[in-house]
Protein backbone atom coordinates (compact mmCIF):
# COMPACT_ATOMS: atom_id res chain seq x y z
CA MET A 1 30.06 18.56 -41.20
CA THR A 2 29.15 15.81 -44.02
CA GLN A 3 27.34 15.85 -46.92
CA ALA A 4 24.53 13.73 -44.98
CA ASN A 5 24.26 16.98 -42.79
CA ARG A 6 23.39 19.79 -45.45
CA ILE A 7 21.85 22.90 -44.04
CA VAL A 8 19.22 25.07 -45.58
CA LEU A 9 18.37 28.01 -43.71
CA PHE A 10 14.88 29.70 -45.63
CA ASP A 11 12.49 32.71 -43.93
CA GLY A 12 10.32 30.52 -42.23
CA VAL A 13 7.49 33.32 -42.09
CA CYS A 14 7.57 33.33 -46.51
CA ASN A 15 4.54 30.63 -47.50
CA LEU A 16 7.16 29.95 -50.72
CA CYS A 17 10.68 29.42 -49.38
CA ASN A 18 7.94 27.09 -46.18
CA GLY A 19 6.78 26.09 -49.95
CA ALA A 20 9.81 24.95 -50.79
CA VAL A 21 10.82 23.66 -47.56
CA GLN A 22 8.33 21.08 -48.32
CA PHE A 23 8.95 20.53 -51.61
CA ILE A 24 12.96 19.41 -50.72
CA LEU A 25 11.48 17.20 -47.81
CA ARG A 26 9.35 15.32 -50.24
CA ARG A 27 12.33 14.39 -51.95
CA ASP A 28 15.38 13.71 -49.63
CA PRO A 29 13.79 10.18 -48.73
CA ARG A 30 17.99 9.38 -47.20
CA GLY A 31 17.73 12.56 -45.20
CA ARG A 32 20.74 14.37 -46.77
CA PHE A 33 19.30 18.19 -45.94
CA ARG A 34 18.43 19.45 -42.58
CA PHE A 35 16.54 22.77 -42.15
CA ALA A 36 16.65 26.38 -39.24
CA ALA A 37 14.55 29.23 -40.54
CA LEU A 38 16.51 32.51 -41.10
CA GLN A 39 14.97 33.89 -37.84
CA SER A 40 15.98 31.44 -35.59
CA GLU A 41 18.88 31.51 -33.10
CA ALA A 42 20.60 28.32 -35.17
CA ALA A 43 21.14 30.56 -38.42
CA ARG A 44 21.97 33.48 -36.38
CA GLN A 45 24.73 30.81 -35.08
CA LEU A 46 25.79 29.26 -38.12
CA LEU A 47 25.88 32.83 -40.40
CA LYS A 48 27.28 34.74 -37.39
CA GLY A 49 24.57 37.44 -37.14
CA ASP A 50 24.04 38.21 -41.02
CA ALA A 51 21.45 36.33 -41.75
CA PRO A 52 20.28 37.29 -45.75
CA PRO A 53 16.34 38.06 -45.42
CA GLU A 54 16.21 38.09 -49.08
CA THR A 55 17.74 34.58 -49.93
CA MET A 56 17.38 30.97 -49.19
CA VAL A 57 21.46 29.94 -47.56
CA LEU A 58 22.91 26.37 -47.91
CA ILE A 59 25.90 25.35 -45.37
CA GLU A 60 27.22 22.46 -47.19
CA SER A 61 30.80 20.85 -47.05
CA GLY A 62 31.62 24.38 -45.01
CA LYS A 63 31.18 26.42 -47.74
CA THR A 64 28.27 28.91 -47.51
CA TYR A 65 25.62 29.32 -51.40
CA THR A 66 22.69 31.90 -51.57
CA LYS A 67 19.91 32.29 -54.27
CA SER A 68 20.57 30.24 -57.12
CA GLY A 69 23.75 29.36 -56.72
CA ALA A 70 22.18 27.53 -53.27
CA ALA A 71 19.08 26.11 -54.93
CA LEU A 72 20.65 24.83 -57.88
CA ARG A 73 23.38 22.93 -55.74
CA ILE A 74 20.05 21.96 -53.77
CA ALA A 75 18.93 20.31 -56.55
CA ARG A 76 21.29 18.38 -57.06
CA GLY A 77 20.80 16.52 -53.96
CA LEU A 78 17.64 15.38 -54.56
CA ARG A 79 15.74 12.56 -56.15
CA PHE A 80 15.64 12.04 -59.74
CA PRO A 81 15.10 14.44 -62.17
CA TRP A 82 15.91 17.46 -59.94
CA PRO A 83 19.89 16.85 -60.08
CA VAL A 84 19.21 17.94 -63.48
CA TRP A 85 18.57 21.68 -62.78
CA TYR A 86 22.06 21.33 -61.57
CA GLY A 87 23.25 22.02 -65.61
CA LEU A 88 22.24 25.84 -65.14
CA LEU A 89 25.03 26.36 -63.52
CA ILE A 90 26.03 27.03 -66.57
CA VAL A 91 24.20 30.29 -66.64
CA PRO A 92 26.18 33.52 -65.67
CA ARG A 93 25.68 33.92 -62.15
CA PRO A 94 24.46 37.54 -61.97
CA LEU A 95 21.93 36.58 -64.81
CA ARG A 96 20.69 33.81 -62.37
CA ASP A 97 20.64 35.92 -59.25
CA LEU A 98 18.72 38.43 -61.19
CA VAL A 99 15.58 35.93 -61.99
CA TYR A 100 16.73 34.85 -58.07
CA ASP A 101 16.33 38.51 -56.41
CA TRP A 102 12.94 39.65 -58.37
CA VAL A 103 11.38 36.13 -57.24
CA ALA A 104 12.50 36.85 -53.60
CA HIS A 105 11.83 40.66 -54.11
CA ASN A 106 7.81 39.59 -54.68
CA ARG A 107 7.19 36.31 -52.83
CA TYR A 108 5.49 38.11 -49.76
CA LYS A 109 3.17 40.14 -52.73
CA TRP A 110 2.45 36.58 -54.69
CA PHE A 111 2.69 34.30 -51.85
CA GLY A 112 2.37 35.37 -49.01
CA LYS A 113 3.30 35.88 -45.59
CA ARG A 114 2.92 34.14 -42.15
CA ASP A 115 2.62 35.68 -38.67
CA THR A 116 4.62 33.20 -37.08
CA CYS A 117 7.57 30.73 -38.61
CA VAL A 118 5.74 27.12 -39.25
CA VAL A 119 6.33 24.42 -36.55
CA PRO A 120 7.87 20.91 -37.87
CA THR A 121 5.58 18.00 -37.79
CA PRO A 122 6.28 15.59 -35.16
CA GLN A 123 8.13 13.24 -38.28
CA MET A 124 10.07 16.02 -39.20
CA ARG A 125 11.02 17.61 -36.05
CA GLY A 126 14.67 15.78 -36.33
CA ARG A 127 15.24 17.66 -39.58
CA PHE A 128 15.09 21.05 -37.75
CA LEU A 129 17.53 22.39 -36.26
CA ASP A 130 15.88 24.54 -33.40
């Protein structure tokens, strides 16, 4: 996999997660990131059946990143000023992930949940694996 094909796996029924995908799409004009819902067959194959429901996943250069590590590495790949957030990697991972887990645990309550995964627009369909 090349850097041009970083893959973001996200909870397809989570409004917060879908908003994050839209955020990434708008700030990734070079199309470095591709996407798949954690509920998809593509995600199951990439994760070998172990789709973690409480986290966004980034697969980059053959490595899998989850939670705050995935979020910060995604920020690094976006246009300025978002790569500045990558500097938060200096915060110990357990502390970063504690905050991430708190938001993930409450995401449906705070942002809502859809009955089905969002279907990408025709313009964005090429950026999605399914």
